[in-house]
Amino acid sequence: MSIYVGNLSYEVTEAEMTAVFAEYGSVKRVQLPTDRETGRMRGFGFVEMGTEAEEQSAIDALDGAEWMGRDLKVNKAKPRENRNSGGGDRRDNFSRRY
């Protein structure tokens, strides 16, 4: 499982995230997604820790905490949804319009 961290400063680095979360246990991985077009950080990230107890400890301590001038939103990450779900077949939509 991983932790979702939202409302991050656009200046944050993986090393800084690792340092903050390491206070609550072992950090296995930090991901900071960037925009494909601009290369700019998107303002959220994901942290994987050694155990669920460590993750919960970090969530309890950091959710709502102020860091780098922003109030963090920290919770368990939800599984990624399939982007194709609910959209139907694009060809069907095309043929209905013409």
PDB file of N, CA and C in Angstrom:
ATOM      1  N   MET A   1       0.853  -1.184   0.000  1.00  0.00           N
ATOM      2  CA  MET A   1       0.000   0.000   0.000  1.00  0.00           C
ATOM      3  C   MET A   1       0.890   1.235   0.000  1.00  0.00           C
ATOM      4  N   SER A   2       0.354   2.325  -0.430  1.00  0.00           N
ATOM      5  CA  SER A   2       1.129   3.559  -0.397  1.00  0.00           C
ATOM      6  C   SER A   2       0.271   4.685   0.154  1.00  0.00           C
ATOM      7  N   ILE A   3       0.939   5.791   0.440  1.00  0.00           N
ATOM      8  CA  ILE A   3       0.306   6.967   1.014  1.00  0.00           C
ATOM      9  C   ILE A   3       0.215   8.038  -0.070  1.00  0.00           C
ATOM     10  N   TYR A   4      -0.937   8.691  -0.161  1.00  0.00           N
ATOM     11  CA  TYR A   4      -1.119   9.832  -1.043  1.00  0.00           C
ATOM     12  C   TYR A   4      -0.802  11.081  -0.230  1.00  0.00           C
ATOM     13  N   VAL A   5      -0.011  11.985  -0.797  1.00  0.00           N
ATOM     14  CA  VAL A   5       0.315  13.246  -0.140  1.00  0.00           C
ATOM     15  C   VAL A   5      -0.069  14.364  -1.096  1.00  0.00           C
ATOM     16  N   GLY A   6      -1.069  15.143  -0.729  1.00  0.00           N
ATOM     17  CA  GLY A   6      -1.555  16.210  -1.589  1.00  0.00           C
ATOM     18  C   GLY A   6      -1.272  17.587  -1.033  1.00  0.00           C
ATOM     19  N   ASN A   7      -1.464  18.582  -1.883  1.00  0.00           N
ATOM     20  CA  ASN A   7      -1.246  19.989  -1.573  1.00  0.00           C
ATOM     21  C   ASN A   7       0.224  20.272  -1.267  1.00  0.00           C
ATOM     22  N   LEU A   8       1.098  19.613  -1.996  1.00  0.00           N
ATOM     23  CA  LEU A   8       2.540  19.813  -1.819  1.00  0.00           C
ATOM     24  C   LEU A   8       3.005  21.088  -2.513  1.00  0.00           C
ATOM     25  N   SER A   9       4.050  21.662  -1.977  1.00  0.00           N
ATOM     26  CA  SER A   9       4.714  22.773  -2.640  1.00  0.00           C
ATOM     27  C   SER A   9       5.301  22.253  -3.951  1.00  0.00           C
ATOM     28  N   TYR A  10       5.298  23.073  -4.979  1.00  0.00           N
ATOM     29  CA  TYR A  10       5.871  22.670  -6.262  1.00  0.00           C
ATOM     30  C   TYR A  10       7.393  22.607  -6.201  1.00  0.00           C
ATOM     31  N   GLU A  11       7.968  23.070  -5.106  1.00  0.00           N
ATOM     32  CA  GLU A  11       9.427  23.083  -4.942  1.00  0.00           C
ATOM     33  C   GLU A  11       9.960  21.859  -4.205  1.00  0.00           C
ATOM     34  N   VAL A  12       9.092  21.011  -3.666  1.00  0.00           N
ATOM     35  CA  VAL A  12       9.534  19.878  -2.851  1.00  0.00           C
ATOM     36  C   VAL A  12      10.343  18.878  -3.676  1.00  0.00           C
ATOM     37  N   THR A  13      11.304  18.215  -3.019  1.00  0.00           N
ATOM     38  CA  THR A  13      12.129  17.207  -3.673  1.00  0.00           C
ATOM     39  C   THR A  13      11.879  15.841  -3.042  1.00  0.00           C
ATOM     40  N   GLU A  14      12.290  14.796  -3.741  1.00  0.00           N
ATOM     41  CA  GLU A  14      12.162  13.444  -3.197  1.00  0.00           C
ATOM     42  C   GLU A  14      12.953  13.307  -1.909  1.00  0.00           C
ATOM     43  N   ALA A  15      14.131  13.926  -1.837  1.00  0.00           N
ATOM     44  CA  ALA A  15      14.965  13.846  -0.635  1.00  0.00           C
ATOM     45  C   ALA A  15      14.257  14.487   0.563  1.00  0.00           C
ATOM     46  N   GLU A  16      13.601  15.628   0.343  1.00  0.00           N
ATOM     47  CA  GLU A  16      12.873  16.289   1.431  1.00  0.00           C
ATOM     48  C   GLU A  16      11.697  15.446   1.892  1.00  0.00           C
ATOM     49  N   MET A  17      10.968  14.861   0.951  1.00  0.00           N
ATOM     50  CA  MET A  17       9.837  13.993   1.311  1.00  0.00           C
ATOM     51  C   MET A  17      10.331  12.792   2.104  1.00  0.00           C
ATOM     52  N   THR A  18      11.423  12.198   1.648  1.00  0.00           N
ATOM     53  CA  THR A  18      11.981  11.039   2.341  1.00  0.00           C
ATOM     54  C   THR A  18      12.351  11.408   3.771  1.00  0.00           C
ATOM     55  N   ALA A  19      12.987  12.553   3.957  1.00  0.00           N
ATOM     56  CA  ALA A  19      13.406  12.980   5.293  1.00  0.00           C
ATOM     57  C   ALA A  19      12.211  13.165   6.228  1.00  0.00           C
ATOM     58  N   VAL A  20      11.137  13.774   5.740  1.00  0.00           N
ATOM     59  CA  VAL A  20       9.961  14.005   6.577  1.00  0.00           C
ATOM     60  C   VAL A  20       9.308  12.681   6.967  1.00  0.00           C
ATOM     61  N   PHE A  21       9.107  11.799   5.998  1.00  0.00           N
ATOM     62  CA  PHE A  21       8.420  10.541   6.286  1.00  0.00           C
ATOM     63  C   PHE A  21       9.303   9.551   7.040  1.00  0.00           C
ATOM     64  N   ALA A  22      10.610   9.680   6.953  1.00  0.00           N
ATOM     65  CA  ALA A  22      11.531   8.786   7.666  1.00  0.00           C
ATOM     66  C   ALA A  22      11.396   8.939   9.180  1.00  0.00           C
ATOM     67  N   GLU A  23      10.852  10.053   9.629  1.00  0.00           N
ATOM     68  CA  GLU A  23      10.625  10.246  11.064  1.00  0.00           C
ATOM     69  C   GLU A  23       9.593   9.253  11.600  1.00  0.00           C
ATOM     70  N   TYR A  24       8.822   8.625  10.712  1.00  0.00           N
ATOM     71  CA  TYR A  24       7.747   7.720  11.116  1.00  0.00           C
ATOM     72  C   TYR A  24       8.014   6.267  10.724  1.00  0.00           C
ATOM     73  N   GLY A  25       9.173   5.985  10.134  1.00  0.00           N
ATOM     74  CA  GLY A  25       9.529   4.619   9.764  1.00  0.00           C
ATOM     75  C   GLY A  25      10.392   4.593   8.516  1.00  0.00           C
ATOM     76  N   SER A  26      10.585   3.402   7.991  1.00  0.00           N
ATOM     77  CA  SER A  26      11.447   3.249   6.813  1.00  0.00           C
ATOM     78  C   SER A  26      10.683   3.605   5.538  1.00  0.00           C
ATOM     79  N   VAL A  27      11.289   4.454   4.740  1.00  0.00           N
ATOM     80  CA  VAL A  27      10.689   4.883   3.474  1.00  0.00           C
ATOM     81  C   VAL A  27      11.263   4.011   2.371  1.00  0.00           C
ATOM     82  N   LYS A  28      10.388   3.290   1.682  1.00  0.00           N
ATOM     83  CA  LYS A  28      10.824   2.416   0.592  1.00  0.00           C
ATOM     84  C   LYS A  28      10.909   3.156  -0.732  1.00  0.00           C
ATOM     85  N   ARG A  29       9.953   4.076  -0.969  1.00  0.00           N
ATOM     86  CA  ARG A  29       9.931   4.778  -2.258  1.00  0.00           C
ATOM     87  C   ARG A  29       9.125   6.060  -2.142  1.00  0.00           C
ATOM     88  N   VAL A  30       9.554   7.073  -2.877  1.00  0.00           N
ATOM     89  CA  VAL A  30       8.827   8.338  -2.997  1.00  0.00           C
ATOM     90  C   VAL A  30       8.640   8.614  -4.477  1.00  0.00           C
ATOM     91  N   GLN A  31       7.419   8.963  -4.870  1.00  0.00           N
ATOM     92  CA  GLN A  31       7.125   9.329  -6.260  1.00  0.00           C
ATOM     93  C   GLN A  31       6.516  10.722  -6.273  1.00  0.00           C
ATOM     94  N   LEU A  32       7.065  11.596  -7.106  1.00  0.00           N
ATOM     95  CA  LEU A  32       6.527  12.941  -7.285  1.00  0.00           C
ATOM     96  C   LEU A  32       6.213  13.115  -8.772  1.00  0.00           C
ATOM     97  N   PRO A  33       4.975  12.841  -9.183  1.00  0.00           N
ATOM     98  CA  PRO A  33       4.611  12.948 -10.598  1.00  0.00           C
ATOM     99  C   PRO A  33       4.812  14.360 -11.143  1.00  0.00           C
ATOM    100  N   THR A  34       5.220  14.420 -12.400  1.00  0.00           N
ATOM    101  CA  THR A  34       5.391  15.709 -13.068  1.00  0.00           C
ATOM    102  C   THR A  34       4.478  15.773 -14.284  1.00  0.00           C
ATOM    103  N   ASP A  35       4.152  16.978 -14.683  1.00  0.00           N
ATOM    104  CA  ASP A  35       3.333  17.213 -15.861  1.00  0.00           C
ATOM    105  C   ASP A  35       4.136  16.821 -17.096  1.00  0.00           C
ATOM    106  N   ARG A  36       3.548  16.082 -17.998  1.00  0.00           N
ATOM    107  CA  ARG A  36       4.257  15.613 -19.205  1.00  0.00           C
ATOM    108  C   ARG A  36       4.694  16.758 -20.099  1.00  0.00           C
ATOM    109  N   GLU A  37       3.885  17.785 -20.196  1.00  0.00           N
ATOM    110  CA  GLU A  37       4.189  18.882 -21.119  1.00  0.00           C
ATOM    111  C   GLU A  37       5.163  19.895 -20.548  1.00  0.00           C
ATOM    112  N   THR A  38       4.970  20.252 -19.260  1.00  0.00           N
ATOM    113  CA  THR A  38       5.801  21.313 -18.676  1.00  0.00           C
ATOM    114  C   THR A  38       6.969  20.790 -17.857  1.00  0.00           C
ATOM    115  N   GLY A  39       6.883  19.540 -17.395  1.00  0.00           N
ATOM    116  CA  GLY A  39       7.918  18.988 -16.537  1.00  0.00           C
ATOM    117  C   GLY A  39       7.810  19.469 -15.099  1.00  0.00           C
ATOM    118  N   ARG A  40       6.825  20.299 -14.828  1.00  0.00           N
ATOM    119  CA  ARG A  40       6.619  20.850 -13.489  1.00  0.00           C
ATOM    120  C   ARG A  40       5.931  19.819 -12.599  1.00  0.00           C
ATOM    121  N   MET A  41       6.311  19.806 -11.318  1.00  0.00           N
ATOM    122  CA  MET A  41       5.669  18.901 -10.379  1.00  0.00           C
ATOM    123  C   MET A  41       4.177  19.209 -10.303  1.00  0.00           C
ATOM    124  N   ARG A  42       3.370  18.181 -10.069  1.00  0.00           N
ATOM    125  CA  ARG A  42       1.917  18.340 -10.116  1.00  0.00           C
ATOM    126  C   ARG A  42       1.283  18.681  -8.773  1.00  0.00           C
ATOM    127  N   GLY A  43       2.071  18.763  -7.696  1.00  0.00           N
ATOM    128  CA  GLY A  43       1.525  19.178  -6.406  1.00  0.00           C
ATOM    129  C   GLY A  43       1.046  18.044  -5.520  1.00  0.00           C
ATOM    130  N   PHE A  44       1.344  16.818  -5.910  1.00  0.00           N
ATOM    131  CA  PHE A  44       1.019  15.677  -5.064  1.00  0.00           C
ATOM    132  C   PHE A  44       2.076  14.602  -5.267  1.00  0.00           C
ATOM    133  N   GLY A  45       2.062  13.620  -4.371  1.00  0.00           N
ATOM    134  CA  GLY A  45       3.036  12.543  -4.486  1.00  0.00           C
ATOM    135  C   GLY A  45       2.562  11.306  -3.747  1.00  0.00           C
ATOM    136  N   PHE A  46       3.401  10.281  -3.793  1.00  0.00           N
ATOM    137  CA  PHE A  46       3.098   9.019  -3.135  1.00  0.00           C
ATOM    138  C   PHE A  46       4.332   8.563  -2.375  1.00  0.00           C
ATOM    139  N   VAL A  47       4.094   7.982  -1.193  1.00  0.00           N
ATOM    140  CA  VAL A  47       5.174   7.470  -0.363  1.00  0.00           C
ATOM    141  C   VAL A  47       4.833   6.036   0.013  1.00  0.00           C
ATOM    142  N   GLU A  48       5.802   5.132  -0.153  1.00  0.00           N
ATOM    143  CA  GLU A  48       5.644   3.753   0.303  1.00  0.00           C
ATOM    144  C   GLU A  48       6.575   3.561   1.486  1.00  0.00           C
ATOM    145  N   MET A  49       6.019   2.989   2.561  1.00  0.00           N
ATOM    146  CA  MET A  49       6.799   2.765   3.764  1.00  0.00           C
ATOM    147  C   MET A  49       6.903   1.274   4.044  1.00  0.00           C
ATOM    148  N   GLY A  50       7.740   0.923   5.027  1.00  0.00           N
ATOM    149  CA  GLY A  50       8.028  -0.474   5.322  1.00  0.00           C
ATOM    150  C   GLY A  50       6.841  -1.288   5.803  1.00  0.00           C
ATOM    151  N   THR A  51       5.997  -0.698   6.652  1.00  0.00           N
ATOM    152  CA  THR A  51       4.854  -1.433   7.195  1.00  0.00           C
ATOM    153  C   THR A  51       3.607  -0.553   7.185  1.00  0.00           C
ATOM    154  N   GLU A  52       2.464  -1.207   7.314  1.00  0.00           N
ATOM    155  CA  GLU A  52       1.213  -0.447   7.385  1.00  0.00           C
ATOM    156  C   GLU A  52       1.151   0.383   8.660  1.00  0.00           C
ATOM    157  N   ALA A  53       1.753  -0.112   9.748  1.00  0.00           N
ATOM    158  CA  ALA A  53       1.767   0.641  11.006  1.00  0.00           C
ATOM    159  C   ALA A  53       2.565   1.939  10.840  1.00  0.00           C
ATOM    160  N   GLU A  54       3.670   1.875  10.116  1.00  0.00           N
ATOM    161  CA  GLU A  54       4.462   3.080   9.847  1.00  0.00           C
ATOM    162  C   GLU A  54       3.675   4.056   8.991  1.00  0.00           C
ATOM    163  N   GLU A  55       2.989   3.526   7.977  1.00  0.00           N
ATOM    164  CA  GLU A  55       2.167   4.377   7.118  1.00  0.00           C
ATOM    165  C   GLU A  55       1.087   5.075   7.932  1.00  0.00           C
ATOM    166  N   GLN A  56       0.407   4.331   8.793  1.00  0.00           N
ATOM    167  CA  GLN A  56      -0.672   4.921   9.589  1.00  0.00           C
ATOM    168  C   GLN A  56      -0.131   5.971  10.546  1.00  0.00           C
ATOM    169  N   SER A  57       1.047   5.725  11.104  1.00  0.00           N
ATOM    170  CA  SER A  57       1.678   6.694  11.997  1.00  0.00           C
ATOM    171  C   SER A  57       1.967   8.002  11.256  1.00  0.00           C
ATOM    172  N   ALA A  58       2.486   7.896  10.040  1.00  0.00           N
ATOM    173  CA  ALA A  58       2.782   9.079   9.223  1.00  0.00           C
ATOM    174  C   ALA A  58       1.497   9.811   8.847  1.00  0.00           C
ATOM    175  N   ILE A  59       0.462   9.071   8.473  1.00  0.00           N
ATOM    176  CA  ILE A  59      -0.821   9.673   8.112  1.00  0.00           C
ATOM    177  C   ILE A  59      -1.390  10.442   9.305  1.00  0.00           C
ATOM    178  N   ASP A  60      -1.402   9.797  10.471  1.00  0.00           N
ATOM    179  CA  ASP A  60      -1.953  10.429  11.671  1.00  0.00           C
ATOM    180  C   ASP A  60      -1.209  11.713  12.026  1.00  0.00           C
ATOM    181  N   ALA A  61       0.108  11.699  11.867  1.00  0.00           N
ATOM    182  CA  ALA A  61       0.922  12.851  12.251  1.00  0.00           C
ATOM    183  C   ALA A  61       0.905  13.976  11.218  1.00  0.00           C
ATOM    184  N   LEU A  62       0.843  13.631   9.941  1.00  0.00           N
ATOM    185  CA  LEU A  62       1.058  14.637   8.899  1.00  0.00           C
ATOM    186  C   LEU A  62      -0.202  15.162   8.209  1.00  0.00           C
ATOM    187  N   ASP A  63      -1.317  14.442   8.303  1.00  0.00           N
ATOM    188  CA  ASP A  63      -2.530  14.929   7.645  1.00  0.00           C
ATOM    189  C   ASP A  63      -2.958  16.236   8.295  1.00  0.00           C
ATOM    190  N   GLY A  64      -3.031  17.294   7.508  1.00  0.00           N
ATOM    191  CA  GLY A  64      -3.410  18.607   7.995  1.00  0.00           C
ATOM    192  C   GLY A  64      -2.250  19.439   8.520  1.00  0.00           C
ATOM    193  N   ALA A  65      -1.057  18.846   8.585  1.00  0.00           N
ATOM    194  CA  ALA A  65       0.116  19.573   9.083  1.00  0.00           C
ATOM    195  C   ALA A  65       0.578  20.596   8.053  1.00  0.00           C
ATOM    196  N   GLU A  66       1.122  21.695   8.522  1.00  0.00           N
ATOM    197  CA  GLU A  66       1.651  22.731   7.639  1.00  0.00           C
ATOM    198  C   GLU A  66       3.106  22.413   7.339  1.00  0.00           C
ATOM    199  N   TRP A  67       3.455  22.386   6.055  1.00  0.00           N
ATOM    200  CA  TRP A  67       4.823  22.128   5.628  1.00  0.00           C
ATOM    201  C   TRP A  67       5.100  22.933   4.361  1.00  0.00           C
ATOM    202  N   MET A  68       6.179  23.668   4.360  1.00  0.00           N
ATOM    203  CA  MET A  68       6.573  24.497   3.225  1.00  0.00           C
ATOM    204  C   MET A  68       5.443  25.471   2.835  1.00  0.00           C
ATOM    205  N   GLY A  69       4.741  25.981   3.856  1.00  0.00           N
ATOM    206  CA  GLY A  69       3.700  26.970   3.616  1.00  0.00           C
ATOM    207  C   GLY A  69       2.367  26.421   3.150  1.00  0.00           C
ATOM    208  N   ARG A  70       2.195  25.097   3.211  1.00  0.00           N
ATOM    209  CA  ARG A  70       0.939  24.490   2.740  1.00  0.00           C
ATOM    210  C   ARG A  70       0.437  23.483   3.760  1.00  0.00           C
ATOM    211  N   ASP A  71      -0.881  23.310   3.831  1.00  0.00           N
ATOM    212  CA  ASP A  71      -1.489  22.307   4.699  1.00  0.00           C
ATOM    213  C   ASP A  71      -1.584  21.000   3.924  1.00  0.00           C
ATOM    214  N   LEU A  72      -0.853  19.998   4.388  1.00  0.00           N
ATOM    215  CA  LEU A  72      -0.798  18.721   3.687  1.00  0.00           C
ATOM    216  C   LEU A  72      -2.101  17.943   3.796  1.00  0.00           C
ATOM    217  N   LYS A  73      -2.405  17.189   2.766  1.00  0.00           N
ATOM    218  CA  LYS A  73      -3.505  16.227   2.749  1.00  0.00           C
ATOM    219  C   LYS A  73      -2.837  14.860   2.614  1.00  0.00           C
ATOM    220  N   VAL A  74      -2.913  14.056   3.673  1.00  0.00           N
ATOM    221  CA  VAL A  74      -2.202  12.775   3.694  1.00  0.00           C
ATOM    222  C   VAL A  74      -3.190  11.671   4.045  1.00  0.00           C
ATOM    223  N   ASN A  75      -3.292  10.663   3.159  1.00  0.00           N
ATOM    224  CA  ASN A  75      -4.158   9.518   3.442  1.00  0.00           C
ATOM    225  C   ASN A  75      -3.692   8.311   2.637  1.00  0.00           C
ATOM    226  N   LYS A  76      -4.346   7.174   2.878  1.00  0.00           N
ATOM    227  CA  LYS A  76      -3.993   5.971   2.109  1.00  0.00           C
ATOM    228  C   LYS A  76      -4.343   6.209   0.646  1.00  0.00           C
ATOM    229  N   ALA A  77      -3.444   5.832  -0.222  1.00  0.00           N
ATOM    230  CA  ALA A  77      -3.688   5.997  -1.659  1.00  0.00           C
ATOM    231  C   ALA A  77      -4.763   5.020  -2.100  1.00  0.00           C
ATOM    232  N   LYS A  78      -5.633   5.492  -2.964  1.00  0.00           N
ATOM    233  CA  LYS A  78      -6.669   4.631  -3.532  1.00  0.00           C
ATOM    234  C   LYS A  78      -6.103   3.953  -4.773  1.00  0.00           C
ATOM    235  N   PRO A  79      -6.547   2.733  -5.054  1.00  0.00           N
ATOM    236  CA  PRO A  79      -6.061   2.061  -6.261  1.00  0.00           C
ATOM    237  C   PRO A  79      -6.359   2.892  -7.504  1.00  0.00           C
ATOM    238  N   ARG A  80      -5.454   2.853  -8.440  1.00  0.00           N
ATOM    239  CA  ARG A  80      -5.621   3.605  -9.678  1.00  0.00           C
ATOM    240  C   ARG A  80      -6.758   3.011 -10.491  1.00  0.00           C
ATOM    241  N   GLU A  81      -7.668   3.866 -10.939  1.00  0.00           N
ATOM    242  CA  GLU A  81      -8.798   3.389 -11.741  1.00  0.00           C
ATOM    243  C   GLU A  81      -8.392   3.295 -13.198  1.00  0.00           C
ATOM    244  N   ASN A  82      -9.008   2.364 -13.895  1.00  0.00           N
ATOM    245  CA  ASN A  82      -8.767   2.210 -15.317  1.00  0.00           C
ATOM    246  C   ASN A  82      -9.333   3.429 -16.043  1.00  0.00           C
ATOM    247  N   ARG A  83      -8.509   4.116 -16.796  1.00  0.00           N
ATOM    248  CA  ARG A  83      -8.952   5.342 -17.474  1.00  0.00           C
ATOM    249  C   ARG A  83      -9.990   5.069 -18.557  1.00  0.00           C
ATOM    250  N   ASN A  84     -10.078   3.846 -19.037  1.00  0.00           N
ATOM    251  CA  ASN A  84     -11.024   3.524 -20.100  1.00  0.00           C
ATOM    252  C   ASN A  84     -12.416   3.199 -19.584  1.00  0.00           C
ATOM    253  N   SER A  85     -12.566   3.025 -18.273  1.00  0.00           N
ATOM    254  CA  SER A  85     -13.866   2.613 -17.750  1.00  0.00           C
ATOM    255  C   SER A  85     -14.884   3.741 -17.877  1.00  0.00           C
ATOM    256  N   GLY A  86     -16.103   3.368 -18.210  1.00  0.00           N
ATOM    257  CA  GLY A  86     -17.194   4.326 -18.266  1.00  0.00           C
ATOM    258  C   GLY A  86     -17.231   5.179 -19.519  1.00  0.00           C
ATOM    259  N   GLY A  87     -16.235   5.091 -20.348  1.00  0.00           N
ATOM    260  CA  GLY A  87     -16.182   5.955 -21.512  1.00  0.00           C
ATOM    261  C   GLY A  87     -16.870   5.390 -22.729  1.00  0.00           C
ATOM    262  N   GLY A  88     -17.083   4.095 -22.735  1.00  0.00           N
ATOM    263  CA  GLY A  88     -17.706   3.488 -23.903  1.00  0.00           C
ATOM    264  C   GLY A  88     -16.735   3.424 -25.066  1.00  0.00           C
ATOM    265  N   ASP A  89     -17.218   3.004 -26.186  1.00  0.00           N
ATOM    266  CA  ASP A  89     -16.390   2.898 -27.379  1.00  0.00           C
ATOM    267  C   ASP A  89     -16.422   4.228 -28.111  1.00  0.00           C
ATOM    268  N   ARG A  90     -15.281   4.817 -28.318  1.00  0.00           N
ATOM    269  CA  ARG A  90     -15.213   6.139 -28.950  1.00  0.00           C
ATOM    270  C   ARG A  90     -15.794   6.105 -30.364  1.00  0.00           C
ATOM    271  N   ARG A  91     -15.666   4.995 -31.041  1.00  0.00           N
ATOM    272  CA  ARG A  91     -16.210   4.910 -32.401  1.00  0.00           C
ATOM    273  C   ARG A  91     -17.727   5.018 -32.379  1.00  0.00           C
ATOM    274  N   ASP A  92     -18.364   4.427 -31.349  1.00  0.00           N
ATOM    275  CA  ASP A  92     -19.815   4.538 -31.244  1.00  0.00           C
ATOM    276  C   ASP A  92     -20.224   5.999 -31.075  1.00  0.00           C
ATOM    277  N   ASN A  93     -19.503   6.732 -30.238  1.00  0.00           N
ATOM    278  CA  ASN A  93     -19.827   8.139 -30.025  1.00  0.00           C
ATOM    279  C   ASN A  93     -19.639   8.928 -31.325  1.00  0.00           C
ATOM    280  N   PHE A  94     -18.607   8.620 -32.055  1.00  0.00           N
ATOM    281  CA  PHE A  94     -18.325   9.321 -33.309  1.00  0.00           C
ATOM    282  C   PHE A  94     -19.456   9.081 -34.303  1.00  0.00           C
ATOM    283  N   SER A  95     -19.855   7.829 -34.465  1.00  0.00           N
ATOM    284  CA  SER A  95     -20.864   7.511 -35.467  1.00  0.00           C
ATOM    285  C   SER A  95     -22.227   8.090 -35.107  1.00  0.00           C
ATOM    286  N   ARG A  96     -22.517   8.291 -33.847  1.00  0.00           N
ATOM    287  CA  ARG A  96     -23.792   8.869 -33.426  1.00  0.00           C
ATOM    288  C   ARG A  96     -23.856  10.356 -33.742  1.00  0.00           C
ATOM    289  N   ARG A  97     -22.730  11.003 -33.788  1.00  0.00           N
ATOM    290  CA  ARG A  97     -22.725  12.442 -34.029  1.00  0.00           C
ATOM    291  C   ARG A  97     -22.883  12.775 -35.505  1.00  0.00           C
ATOM    292  N   TYR A  98     -22.596  11.847 -36.400  1.00  0.00           N
ATOM    293  CA  TYR A  98     -22.608  12.154 -37.831  1.00  0.00           C
ATOM    294  C   TYR A  98     -23.558  11.314 -38.609  1.00  0.00           C
TER     295      TYR A  98
END
